[in-house]
Structure formats: structure tokens, C-alpha cells
Amino acid sequence: MKPSTRTLLRLAPTLAVLTILLGASLLYGLAQSLGYLTIIGEKELNLTAYINLISGQGTAGREFWVSLGFSLWISLASTLLSAISALFLATLLNRRPFNFDTFALNWNLAFPHLVWGVFILLLLTQSGLLARWADALGLIDAPVDFPILVRDRYGIGIILTYLGKEIPFLTLLILALLRTQSEGYLLVAENLGANAWQRFRLITLPLVRPALVPGSLLVFAYIFGAYEVPALLGVRYPRALPVLALESFTNPDLRARSEGMAISLIVAFVVLLIVVFARAKEELQG
């Protein structure tokens, strides 16, 4: 449903402020990514920062492709695992014996990702709670023998943090849609001889797709552009793109700021593409 003219007029002041702020920030970032750094007297526009990133040169360029792969790995793994887990959890909770209030899922959403990341850090580090319990129970000889699940090269701690936050979020989206659907579809399919897997694949999955796909794209976009969790639970190498961008932006060598801004714009461009894709898919389905 398209917004009415009256609604747009009411939102106009807020939209104008947001547009000005966002537009000014994007123009400022674009100018600096093109080498316009008045703080060091550089006013000539160029593509040096982007060339350095693509060719693997410069301050951040040597790490750019590795960081891009690491960010994609974290985003894809977290999104895929969250979507699959939320889909089966919502399907289970929608059954009558398990039909209950969603408070157990809602409380998780009140905690910021950073707070949840600190919880994972205190829980899973080699000096954390689980390691000390395992040591006390004699399961390991010392806390140092506990598996490295946080601040590891594969981003396991980062992924676990996002799973703890995104599974409840996606579950609520899917569950809200499931509870608006009639149970008649499943009953008819069952009477026609469809087994549980066939009912799930042919009935449940198409019904929840309008919530599952946009929700998963939103989760991917957020994780791909997020800074706090990779900065808290990540290692020095490889680093997620947002961490590498801030590192370059705050580098004592002010020329590296262009590369940091270029990385930030690349991240923003990828997120924008995901939003456009989700919007286009919604329009086609509508």
C-alpha cells in the first residue's frame, strides 16, 4: 500500500532532516574517499583509494580482500544459520502443544548487540564461565584447554553472538505470519496423504517466505555493516570491513583516511543493493 499525500506531508519535516544529514554525510565521505583532504592540503580528486583497495596496495588495500571475504563469511553464515533455526523454531512453536506467549523471545531483543557480545565473551572465553565450570568438573585439565570460541580466526564467537540475537528476531517475524494463517492448508495436505516434510516444504515454507526472505536480507545487511561485535570479539587478522574502515580512518597517516572512507562507502553500497533487492522483490510479490 502506497503512503497517502497527507502521510507524506506529516513525515516531510523528519524526512527532510534525515535526507540532509544523510546526504551531507555521504557527500563528505565520497569527497574524502576521492582524496579531498583539506586537513593535509589535498584538494585534487582522484581514485587512488579505490585503486589501492582493488589492487591490494596502500594501508588498507593489503587487507581489503581478506576482510571482504571475512565479512561475507560472517554475514552469510550468521544469516543462513539464523534463518534455518528460526524457521524450524517458529514452526515448532506454532503447533498447539507449544503455543505460548512470545515473551521468552521478546526479552532478547531488549539487549543491544554489544551487550550480548560481552555476555558471549564472558561465557565462552578460555577464562570465562564455561571454561571454569569444565575445569571444576574435571572435563579439562585447565581453563586454557577449553576450545577457542572467542577472538578466533574463523569468527565463531562473532557468529554465535549474532545467532543469539537474530534467531529470536526472525522467529518472531515468522511466528507472527504463521499465526495469521489458517490451519486448513495443513489439514487438507495431511488428509491428501502428505507427510510432515511435504507439508513443511509445500505449505509452510511458501506461507512464511514473505517474512523469511526480507527478514533474512535485513539481518545480512545489518551484520555486514556492523562494527561493535567484530571489534569486540574479532582478532587483528582477519578483520571485518567496518573494523578495517575505522582503523584506516583513525590511522596517524591522514592519507589512509581516504581508504577508510572508500571501504565505508563500499559497505554502504552493498547494504543499499540489498535494500533495493528486497524492495524490488516485495513489489513483485505484491
C-alpha atoms as a PDB file:
ATOM      1  CA  MET A   1       0.000   0.000   0.000  1.00  0.00           C
ATOM      2  CA  LYS A   2       1.439   3.337  -1.060  1.00  0.00           C
ATOM      3  CA  PRO A   3       1.509   6.140   1.542  1.00  0.00           C
ATOM      4  CA  SER A   4      -1.064   8.886   1.117  1.00  0.00           C
ATOM      5  CA  THR A   5      -0.192  12.505   0.395  1.00  0.00           C
ATOM      6  CA  ARG A   6      -1.275  13.532   3.895  1.00  0.00           C
ATOM      7  CA  THR A   7       1.034  10.943   5.443  1.00  0.00           C
ATOM      8  CA  LEU A   8       3.955  12.139   3.325  1.00  0.00           C
ATOM      9  CA  LEU A   9       3.302  15.757   4.328  1.00  0.00           C
ATOM     10  CA  ARG A  10       3.317  14.785   8.005  1.00  0.00           C
ATOM     11  CA  LEU A  11       6.592  12.955   7.577  1.00  0.00           C
ATOM     12  CA  ALA A  12       8.142  15.660   5.397  1.00  0.00           C
ATOM     13  CA  PRO A  13       9.993  17.577   8.189  1.00  0.00           C
ATOM     14  CA  THR A  14      11.549  14.385   9.577  1.00  0.00           C
ATOM     15  CA  LEU A  15      12.393  13.072   6.121  1.00  0.00           C
ATOM     16  CA  ALA A  16      13.948  16.413   5.182  1.00  0.00           C
ATOM     17  CA  VAL A  17      16.229  16.426   8.224  1.00  0.00           C
ATOM     18  CA  LEU A  18      17.266  12.808   7.662  1.00  0.00           C
ATOM     19  CA  THR A  19      17.874  13.435   3.962  1.00  0.00           C
ATOM     20  CA  ILE A  20      20.043  16.474   4.669  1.00  0.00           C
ATOM     21  CA  LEU A  21      22.077  14.708   7.334  1.00  0.00           C
ATOM     22  CA  LEU A  22      22.486  11.522   5.321  1.00  0.00           C
ATOM     23  CA  GLY A  23      23.181  13.408   2.107  1.00  0.00           C
ATOM     24  CA  ALA A  24      25.795  15.616   3.738  1.00  0.00           C
ATOM     25  CA  SER A  25      27.490  12.585   5.299  1.00  0.00           C
ATOM     26  CA  LEU A  26      27.574  10.713   2.002  1.00  0.00           C
ATOM     27  CA  LEU A  27      28.963  13.701   0.124  1.00  0.00           C
ATOM     28  CA  TYR A  28      31.597  14.249   2.817  1.00  0.00           C
ATOM     29  CA  GLY A  29      32.588  10.574   2.737  1.00  0.00           C
ATOM     30  CA  LEU A  30      32.632  10.478  -1.059  1.00  0.00           C
ATOM     31  CA  ALA A  31      34.825  13.585  -1.239  1.00  0.00           C
ATOM     32  CA  GLN A  32      37.328  12.163   1.245  1.00  0.00           C
ATOM     33  CA  SER A  33      37.355   8.781  -0.486  1.00  0.00           C
ATOM     34  CA  LEU A  34      38.302  10.661  -3.678  1.00  0.00           C
ATOM     35  CA  GLY A  35      41.285  12.256  -1.965  1.00  0.00           C
ATOM     36  CA  TYR A  36      39.739  15.599  -0.986  1.00  0.00           C
ATOM     37  CA  LEU A  37      41.563  16.019   2.342  1.00  0.00           C
ATOM     38  CA  THR A  38      41.801  19.696   3.176  1.00  0.00           C
ATOM     39  CA  ILE A  39      43.390  18.877   6.537  1.00  0.00           C
ATOM     40  CA  ILE A  40      46.613  17.981   4.719  1.00  0.00           C
ATOM     41  CA  GLY A  41      46.085  20.338   1.790  1.00  0.00           C
ATOM     42  CA  GLU A  42      44.896  17.691  -0.703  1.00  0.00           C
ATOM     43  CA  LYS A  43      42.130  19.134  -2.909  1.00  0.00           C
ATOM     44  CA  GLU A  44      42.578  17.227  -6.161  1.00  0.00           C
ATOM     45  CA  LEU A  45      40.028  14.465  -6.727  1.00  0.00           C
ATOM     46  CA  ASN A  46      41.366  11.049  -7.695  1.00  0.00           C
ATOM     47  CA  LEU A  47      40.588   7.332  -7.481  1.00  0.00           C
ATOM     48  CA  THR A  48      43.778   6.376  -5.680  1.00  0.00           C
ATOM     49  CA  ALA A  49      41.996   4.951  -2.616  1.00  0.00           C
ATOM     50  CA  TYR A  50      39.755   2.683  -4.703  1.00  0.00           C
ATOM     51  CA  ILE A  51      42.668   1.602  -6.898  1.00  0.00           C
ATOM     52  CA  ASN A  52      44.698   0.738  -3.805  1.00  0.00           C
ATOM     53  CA  LEU A  53      41.856  -1.369  -2.423  1.00  0.00           C
ATOM     54  CA  ILE A  54      41.279  -3.254  -5.662  1.00  0.00           C
ATOM     55  CA  SER A  55      44.974  -3.814  -6.344  1.00  0.00           C
ATOM     56  CA  GLY A  56      45.827  -4.751  -2.747  1.00  0.00           C
ATOM     57  CA  GLN A  57      48.108  -1.790  -2.125  1.00  0.00           C
ATOM     58  CA  GLY A  58      48.146   1.038   0.386  1.00  0.00           C
ATOM     59  CA  THR A  59      47.441   0.982   4.109  1.00  0.00           C
ATOM     60  CA  ALA A  60      44.148  -0.929   3.966  1.00  0.00           C
ATOM     61  CA  GLY A  61      44.453  -2.381   0.475  1.00  0.00           C
ATOM     62  CA  ARG A  62      46.720  -5.213   1.608  1.00  0.00           C
ATOM     63  CA  GLU A  63      43.921  -6.488   3.829  1.00  0.00           C
ATOM     64  CA  PHE A  64      40.846  -5.423   1.873  1.00  0.00           C
ATOM     65  CA  TRP A  65      40.033  -8.650   0.016  1.00  0.00           C
ATOM     66  CA  VAL A  66      40.662 -10.803   3.083  1.00  0.00           C
ATOM     67  CA  SER A  67      38.424  -8.520   5.149  1.00  0.00           C
ATOM     68  CA  LEU A  68      35.749  -8.593   2.457  1.00  0.00           C
ATOM     69  CA  GLY A  69      35.796 -12.396   2.458  1.00  0.00           C
ATOM     70  CA  PHE A  70      35.713 -12.469   6.269  1.00  0.00           C
ATOM     71  CA  SER A  71      32.738 -10.081   6.392  1.00  0.00           C
ATOM     72  CA  LEU A  72      30.859 -12.112   3.786  1.00  0.00           C
ATOM     73  CA  TRP A  73      31.607 -15.327   5.687  1.00  0.00           C
ATOM     74  CA  ILE A  74      30.294 -13.912   8.969  1.00  0.00           C
ATOM     75  CA  SER A  75      27.231 -12.359   7.338  1.00  0.00           C
ATOM     76  CA  LEU A  76      26.285 -15.373   5.228  1.00  0.00           C
ATOM     77  CA  ALA A  77      26.905 -17.964   7.965  1.00  0.00           C
ATOM     78  CA  SER A  78      25.044 -15.957  10.610  1.00  0.00           C
ATOM     79  CA  THR A  79      22.114 -15.202   8.298  1.00  0.00           C
ATOM     80  CA  LEU A  80      21.769 -18.741   6.942  1.00  0.00           C
ATOM     81  CA  LEU A  81      22.003 -20.427  10.345  1.00  0.00           C
ATOM     82  CA  SER A  82      19.647 -17.877  11.901  1.00  0.00           C
ATOM     83  CA  ALA A  83      17.075 -18.285   9.120  1.00  0.00           C
ATOM     84  CA  ILE A  84      17.106 -22.088   9.255  1.00  0.00           C
ATOM     85  CA  SER A  85      16.945 -22.173  13.055  1.00  0.00           C
ATOM     86  CA  ALA A  86      14.193 -19.544  13.214  1.00  0.00           C
ATOM     87  CA  LEU A  87      12.165 -21.332  10.557  1.00  0.00           C
ATOM     88  CA  PHE A  88      12.123 -24.644  12.412  1.00  0.00           C
ATOM     89  CA  LEU A  89      11.689 -22.988  15.808  1.00  0.00           C
ATOM     90  CA  ALA A  90       8.725 -20.918  14.630  1.00  0.00           C
ATOM     91  CA  THR A  91       7.158 -23.982  13.008  1.00  0.00           C
ATOM     92  CA  LEU A  92       7.544 -25.915  16.251  1.00  0.00           C
ATOM     93  CA  LEU A  93       6.199 -23.111  18.458  1.00  0.00           C
ATOM     94  CA  ASN A  94       3.196 -22.623  16.184  1.00  0.00           C
ATOM     95  CA  ARG A  95       1.914 -26.099  16.995  1.00  0.00           C
ATOM     96  CA  ARG A  96      -0.828 -26.148  19.587  1.00  0.00           C
ATOM     97  CA  PRO A  97       1.018 -28.054  22.350  1.00  0.00           C
ATOM     98  CA  PHE A  98       3.793 -25.431  22.193  1.00  0.00           C
ATOM     99  CA  ASN A  99       1.669 -22.366  21.522  1.00  0.00           C
ATOM    100  CA  PHE A 100       2.791 -19.896  24.178  1.00  0.00           C
ATOM    101  CA  ASP A 101       3.367 -16.215  24.739  1.00  0.00           C
ATOM    102  CA  THR A 102       6.402 -14.796  22.924  1.00  0.00           C
ATOM    103  CA  PHE A 103       7.894 -13.060  25.960  1.00  0.00           C
ATOM    104  CA  ALA A 104      10.762 -15.565  26.021  1.00  0.00           C
ATOM    105  CA  LEU A 105      11.735 -14.323  22.562  1.00  0.00           C
ATOM    106  CA  ASN A 106      10.956 -10.638  23.066  1.00  0.00           C
ATOM    107  CA  TRP A 107      13.201 -10.166  26.098  1.00  0.00           C
ATOM    108  CA  ASN A 108      16.247 -10.935  23.984  1.00  0.00           C
ATOM    109  CA  LEU A 109      15.521  -8.017  21.659  1.00  0.00           C
ATOM    110  CA  ALA A 110      15.884  -5.547  24.537  1.00  0.00           C
ATOM    111  CA  PHE A 111      19.634  -6.162  24.741  1.00  0.00           C
ATOM    112  CA  PRO A 112      21.909  -4.356  22.259  1.00  0.00           C
ATOM    113  CA  HIS A 113      24.278  -6.480  20.210  1.00  0.00           C
ATOM    114  CA  LEU A 114      27.223  -5.085  22.151  1.00  0.00           C
ATOM    115  CA  VAL A 115      25.767  -6.252  25.474  1.00  0.00           C
ATOM    116  CA  TRP A 116      25.097  -9.700  24.025  1.00  0.00           C
ATOM    117  CA  GLY A 117      28.668  -9.741  22.705  1.00  0.00           C
ATOM    118  CA  VAL A 118      30.027  -9.006  26.180  1.00  0.00           C
ATOM    119  CA  PHE A 119      27.895 -11.864  27.522  1.00  0.00           C
ATOM    120  CA  ILE A 120      29.357 -14.265  24.930  1.00  0.00           C
ATOM    121  CA  LEU A 121      32.846 -13.017  25.778  1.00  0.00           C
ATOM    122  CA  LEU A 122      32.395 -13.668  29.500  1.00  0.00           C
ATOM    123  CA  LEU A 123      30.765 -17.028  28.814  1.00  0.00           C
ATOM    124  CA  LEU A 124      32.961 -18.618  26.147  1.00  0.00           C
ATOM    125  CA  THR A 125      36.454 -17.204  26.548  1.00  0.00           C
ATOM    126  CA  GLN A 126      39.162 -19.529  27.884  1.00  0.00           C
ATOM    127  CA  SER A 127      38.975 -17.707  31.202  1.00  0.00           C
ATOM    128  CA  GLY A 128      35.191 -17.484  31.067  1.00  0.00           C
ATOM    129  CA  LEU A 129      32.381 -19.160  32.927  1.00  0.00           C
ATOM    130  CA  LEU A 130      32.097 -22.356  30.863  1.00  0.00           C
ATOM    131  CA  ALA A 131      35.842 -22.938  30.919  1.00  0.00           C
ATOM    132  CA  ARG A 132      35.911 -22.629  34.711  1.00  0.00           C
ATOM    133  CA  TRP A 133      32.932 -24.963  35.071  1.00  0.00           C
ATOM    134  CA  ALA A 134      34.567 -27.523  32.785  1.00  0.00           C
ATOM    135  CA  ASP A 135      37.759 -27.269  34.821  1.00  0.00           C
ATOM    136  CA  ALA A 136      35.895 -27.663  38.116  1.00  0.00           C
ATOM    137  CA  LEU A 137      34.052 -30.736  36.807  1.00  0.00           C
ATOM    138  CA  GLY A 138      37.285 -32.309  35.629  1.00  0.00           C
ATOM    139  CA  LEU A 139      36.303 -32.242  31.961  1.00  0.00           C
ATOM    140  CA  ILE A 140      39.521 -30.401  31.096  1.00  0.00           C
ATOM    141  CA  ASP A 141      42.880 -30.172  32.856  1.00  0.00           C
ATOM    142  CA  ALA A 142      42.936 -26.361  32.917  1.00  0.00           C
ATOM    143  CA  PRO A 143      40.833 -23.474  31.552  1.00  0.00           C
ATOM    144  CA  VAL A 144      43.449 -22.959  28.843  1.00  0.00           C
ATOM    145  CA  ASP A 145      42.401 -26.330  27.362  1.00  0.00           C
ATOM    146  CA  PHE A 146      38.918 -25.007  26.641  1.00  0.00           C
ATOM    147  CA  PRO A 147      38.267 -24.647  22.876  1.00  0.00           C
ATOM    148  CA  ILE A 148      38.957 -21.213  21.421  1.00  0.00           C
ATOM    149  CA  LEU A 149      35.467 -19.970  20.568  1.00  0.00           C
ATOM    150  CA  VAL A 150      36.009 -16.237  21.037  1.00  0.00           C
ATOM    151  CA  ARG A 151      38.523 -13.996  19.280  1.00  0.00           C
ATOM    152  CA  ASP A 152      39.347 -16.744  16.822  1.00  0.00           C
ATOM    153  CA  ARG A 153      40.376 -16.543  13.170  1.00  0.00           C
ATOM    154  CA  TYR A 154      37.116 -18.071  11.958  1.00  0.00           C
ATOM    155  CA  GLY A 155      34.801 -15.637  13.747  1.00  0.00           C
ATOM    156  CA  ILE A 156      32.976 -18.352  15.702  1.00  0.00           C
ATOM    157  CA  GLY A 157      32.338 -16.051  18.662  1.00  0.00           C
ATOM    158  CA  ILE A 158      31.034 -13.334  16.347  1.00  0.00           C
ATOM    159  CA  ILE A 159      28.690 -15.772  14.609  1.00  0.00           C
ATOM    160  CA  LEU A 160      27.424 -17.178  17.929  1.00  0.00           C
ATOM    161  CA  THR A 161      26.667 -13.643  19.118  1.00  0.00           C
ATOM    162  CA  TYR A 162      24.627 -12.876  16.017  1.00  0.00           C
ATOM    163  CA  LEU A 163      22.823 -16.217  16.242  1.00  0.00           C
ATOM    164  CA  GLY A 164      21.772 -15.393  19.794  1.00  0.00           C
ATOM    165  CA  LYS A 165      20.286 -12.104  18.613  1.00  0.00           C
ATOM    166  CA  GLU A 166      18.931 -12.855  15.153  1.00  0.00           C
ATOM    167  CA  ILE A 167      17.237 -16.224  15.757  1.00  0.00           C
ATOM    168  CA  PRO A 168      14.665 -14.698  18.169  1.00  0.00           C
ATOM    169  CA  PHE A 169      14.172 -11.748  15.802  1.00  0.00           C
ATOM    170  CA  LEU A 170      13.476 -13.907  12.753  1.00  0.00           C
ATOM    171  CA  THR A 171      11.427 -16.357  14.815  1.00  0.00           C
ATOM    172  CA  LEU A 172       9.080 -13.565  15.894  1.00  0.00           C
ATOM    173  CA  LEU A 173       8.659 -12.398  12.294  1.00  0.00           C
ATOM    174  CA  ILE A 174       7.868 -15.885  11.042  1.00  0.00           C
ATOM    175  CA  LEU A 175       5.680 -16.778  14.007  1.00  0.00           C
ATOM    176  CA  ALA A 176       3.629 -13.599  13.610  1.00  0.00           C
ATOM    177  CA  LEU A 177       2.915 -14.539   9.995  1.00  0.00           C
ATOM    178  CA  LEU A 178       2.189 -18.185  10.782  1.00  0.00           C
ATOM    179  CA  ARG A 179      -0.381 -17.248  13.410  1.00  0.00           C
ATOM    180  CA  THR A 180      -2.329 -15.246  10.837  1.00  0.00           C
ATOM    181  CA  GLN A 181      -2.618 -18.237   8.512  1.00  0.00           C
ATOM    182  CA  SER A 182      -5.395 -20.804   8.609  1.00  0.00           C
ATOM    183  CA  GLU A 183      -4.544 -24.344   9.665  1.00  0.00           C
ATOM    184  CA  GLY A 184      -6.809 -25.609   6.897  1.00  0.00           C
ATOM    185  CA  TYR A 185      -3.971 -25.800   4.384  1.00  0.00           C
ATOM    186  CA  LEU A 186      -2.008 -28.233   6.537  1.00  0.00           C
ATOM    187  CA  LEU A 187      -5.116 -30.291   7.364  1.00  0.00           C
ATOM    188  CA  VAL A 188      -6.045 -30.632   3.703  1.00  0.00           C
ATOM    189  CA  ALA A 189      -2.497 -31.620   2.790  1.00  0.00           C
ATOM    190  CA  GLU A 190      -2.422 -34.169   5.605  1.00  0.00           C
ATOM    191  CA  ASN A 191      -5.765 -35.646   4.506  1.00  0.00           C
ATOM    192  CA  LEU A 192      -4.406 -35.956   0.979  1.00  0.00           C
ATOM    193  CA  GLY A 193      -1.534 -38.071   2.278  1.00  0.00           C
ATOM    194  CA  ALA A 194       1.295 -35.528   2.505  1.00  0.00           C
ATOM    195  CA  ASN A 195       3.904 -36.404   5.105  1.00  0.00           C
ATOM    196  CA  ALA A 196       5.423 -33.914   7.571  1.00  0.00           C
ATOM    197  CA  TRP A 197       8.305 -32.944   5.250  1.00  0.00           C
ATOM    198  CA  GLN A 198       5.988 -32.456   2.286  1.00  0.00           C
ATOM    199  CA  ARG A 199       3.635 -30.298   4.367  1.00  0.00           C
ATOM    200  CA  PHE A 200       6.584 -28.209   5.521  1.00  0.00           C
ATOM    201  CA  ARG A 201       8.098 -27.838   2.039  1.00  0.00           C
ATOM    202  CA  LEU A 202       4.916 -27.286   0.055  1.00  0.00           C
ATOM    203  CA  ILE A 203       2.710 -25.453   2.555  1.00  0.00           C
ATOM    204  CA  THR A 204       4.626 -23.890   5.455  1.00  0.00           C
ATOM    205  CA  LEU A 205       7.661 -22.665   3.549  1.00  0.00           C
ATOM    206  CA  PRO A 206       5.704 -20.751   0.858  1.00  0.00           C
ATOM    207  CA  LEU A 207       3.489 -19.236   3.561  1.00  0.00           C
ATOM    208  CA  VAL A 208       6.391 -17.859   5.611  1.00  0.00           C
ATOM    209  CA  ARG A 209       8.548 -16.751   2.663  1.00  0.00           C
ATOM    210  CA  PRO A 210       7.171 -13.157   2.717  1.00  0.00           C
ATOM    211  CA  ALA A 211       8.571 -12.777   6.246  1.00  0.00           C
ATOM    212  CA  LEU A 212      11.604 -15.039   5.999  1.00  0.00           C
ATOM    213  CA  VAL A 213      13.253 -13.567   2.905  1.00  0.00           C
ATOM    214  CA  PRO A 214      13.021  -9.829   3.762  1.00  0.00           C
ATOM    215  CA  GLY A 215      13.923 -10.564   7.383  1.00  0.00           C
ATOM    216  CA  SER A 216      16.987 -12.553   6.329  1.00  0.00           C
ATOM    217  CA  LEU A 217      18.091  -9.803   3.938  1.00  0.00           C
ATOM    218  CA  LEU A 218      17.723  -7.264   6.745  1.00  0.00           C
ATOM    219  CA  VAL A 219      19.822  -9.457   9.053  1.00  0.00           C
ATOM    220  CA  PHE A 220      22.521  -9.860   6.395  1.00  0.00           C
ATOM    221  CA  ALA A 221      22.633  -6.115   5.718  1.00  0.00           C
ATOM    222  CA  TYR A 222      22.928  -5.309   9.418  1.00  0.00           C
ATOM    223  CA  ILE A 223      25.671  -7.856  10.102  1.00  0.00           C
ATOM    224  CA  PHE A 224      27.662  -6.862   7.016  1.00  0.00           C
ATOM    225  CA  GLY A 225      27.769  -3.234   8.134  1.00  0.00           C
ATOM    226  CA  ALA A 226      28.063  -3.766  11.912  1.00  0.00           C
ATOM    227  CA  TYR A 227      31.179  -2.697  13.791  1.00  0.00           C
ATOM    228  CA  GLU A 228      30.802  -3.343  17.515  1.00  0.00           C
ATOM    229  CA  VAL A 229      30.640  -7.155  17.681  1.00  0.00           C
ATOM    230  CA  PRO A 230      33.550  -7.818  15.246  1.00  0.00           C
ATOM    231  CA  ALA A 231      35.607  -5.185  17.064  1.00  0.00           C
ATOM    232  CA  LEU A 232      34.904  -6.766  20.449  1.00  0.00           C
ATOM    233  CA  LEU A 233      35.172 -10.460  19.557  1.00  0.00           C
ATOM    234  CA  GLY A 234      37.406 -10.394  16.489  1.00  0.00           C
ATOM    235  CA  VAL A 235      41.162 -10.733  16.046  1.00  0.00           C
ATOM    236  CA  ARG A 236      43.712  -8.435  14.467  1.00  0.00           C
ATOM    237  CA  TYR A 237      43.717 -10.523  11.296  1.00  0.00           C
ATOM    238  CA  PRO A 238      41.407 -11.050   9.546  1.00  0.00           C
ATOM    239  CA  ARG A 239      39.166  -8.136  10.427  1.00  0.00           C
ATOM    240  CA  ALA A 240      35.669  -7.287   9.272  1.00  0.00           C
ATOM    241  CA  LEU A 241      35.346  -4.453   6.765  1.00  0.00           C
ATOM    242  CA  PRO A 242      33.803  -1.919   9.211  1.00  0.00           C
ATOM    243  CA  VAL A 243      36.672  -2.548  11.666  1.00  0.00           C
ATOM    244  CA  LEU A 244      39.237  -2.118   8.904  1.00  0.00           C
ATOM    245  CA  ALA A 245      37.499   1.075   7.753  1.00  0.00           C
ATOM    246  CA  LEU A 246      37.640   2.700  11.192  1.00  0.00           C
ATOM    247  CA  GLU A 247      41.233   1.554  11.652  1.00  0.00           C
ATOM    248  CA  SER A 248      42.173   3.308   8.404  1.00  0.00           C
ATOM    249  CA  PHE A 249      40.152   6.406   9.230  1.00  0.00           C
ATOM    250  CA  THR A 250      41.904   6.827  12.603  1.00  0.00           C
ATOM    251  CA  ASN A 251      45.361   5.989  11.232  1.00  0.00           C
ATOM    252  CA  PRO A 252      48.016   8.564  12.176  1.00  0.00           C
ATOM    253  CA  ASP A 253      48.820   8.753   8.470  1.00  0.00           C
ATOM    254  CA  LEU A 254      45.976  11.021   7.368  1.00  0.00           C
ATOM    255  CA  ARG A 255      46.305   9.838   3.763  1.00  0.00           C
ATOM    256  CA  ALA A 256      44.908   6.492   4.878  1.00  0.00           C
ATOM    257  CA  ARG A 257      41.619   8.223   5.680  1.00  0.00           C
ATOM    258  CA  SER A 258      40.646   8.085   2.002  1.00  0.00           C
ATOM    259  CA  GLU A 259      40.868   4.307   2.017  1.00  0.00           C
ATOM    260  CA  GLY A 260      38.800   4.123   5.195  1.00  0.00           C
ATOM    261  CA  MET A 261      36.099   6.270   3.630  1.00  0.00           C
ATOM    262  CA  ALA A 262      36.226   4.210   0.442  1.00  0.00           C
ATOM    263  CA  ILE A 263      35.670   0.999   2.434  1.00  0.00           C
ATOM    264  CA  SER A 264      32.763   2.618   4.283  1.00  0.00           C
ATOM    265  CA  LEU A 265      31.127   3.630   1.010  1.00  0.00           C
ATOM    266  CA  ILE A 266      31.600   0.130  -0.408  1.00  0.00           C
ATOM    267  CA  VAL A 267      29.890  -1.322   2.678  1.00  0.00           C
ATOM    268  CA  ALA A 268      27.074   1.229   2.349  1.00  0.00           C
ATOM    269  CA  PHE A 269      26.721   0.409  -1.360  1.00  0.00           C
ATOM    270  CA  VAL A 270      26.397  -3.330  -0.672  1.00  0.00           C
ATOM    271  CA  VAL A 271      23.776  -2.673   2.034  1.00  0.00           C
ATOM    272  CA  LEU A 272      21.897  -0.349  -0.343  1.00  0.00           C
ATOM    273  CA  LEU A 273      21.877  -3.036  -3.030  1.00  0.00           C
ATOM    274  CA  ILE A 274      20.350  -5.486  -0.548  1.00  0.00           C
ATOM    275  CA  VAL A 275      17.650  -2.961   0.402  1.00  0.00           C
ATOM    276  CA  VAL A 276      16.842  -2.279  -3.263  1.00  0.00           C
ATOM    277  CA  PHE A 277      16.712  -6.010  -3.983  1.00  0.00           C
ATOM    278  CA  ALA A 278      14.402  -6.635  -1.030  1.00  0.00           C
ATOM    279  CA  ARG A 279      12.158  -3.751  -2.090  1.00  0.00           C
ATOM    280  CA  ALA A 280      12.021  -4.971  -5.681  1.00  0.00           C
ATOM    281  CA  LYS A 281      11.184  -8.481  -4.550  1.00  0.00           C
ATOM    282  CA  GLU A 282       8.412  -7.128  -2.322  1.00  0.00           C
ATOM    283  CA  GLU A 283       6.970  -5.137  -5.235  1.00  0.00           C
ATOM    284  CA  LEU A 284       6.996  -8.230  -7.466  1.00  0.00           C
ATOM    285  CA  GLN A 285       5.268 -10.316  -4.828  1.00  0.00           C
ATOM    286  CA  GLY A 286       2.728  -7.567  -4.255  1.00  0.00           C
END
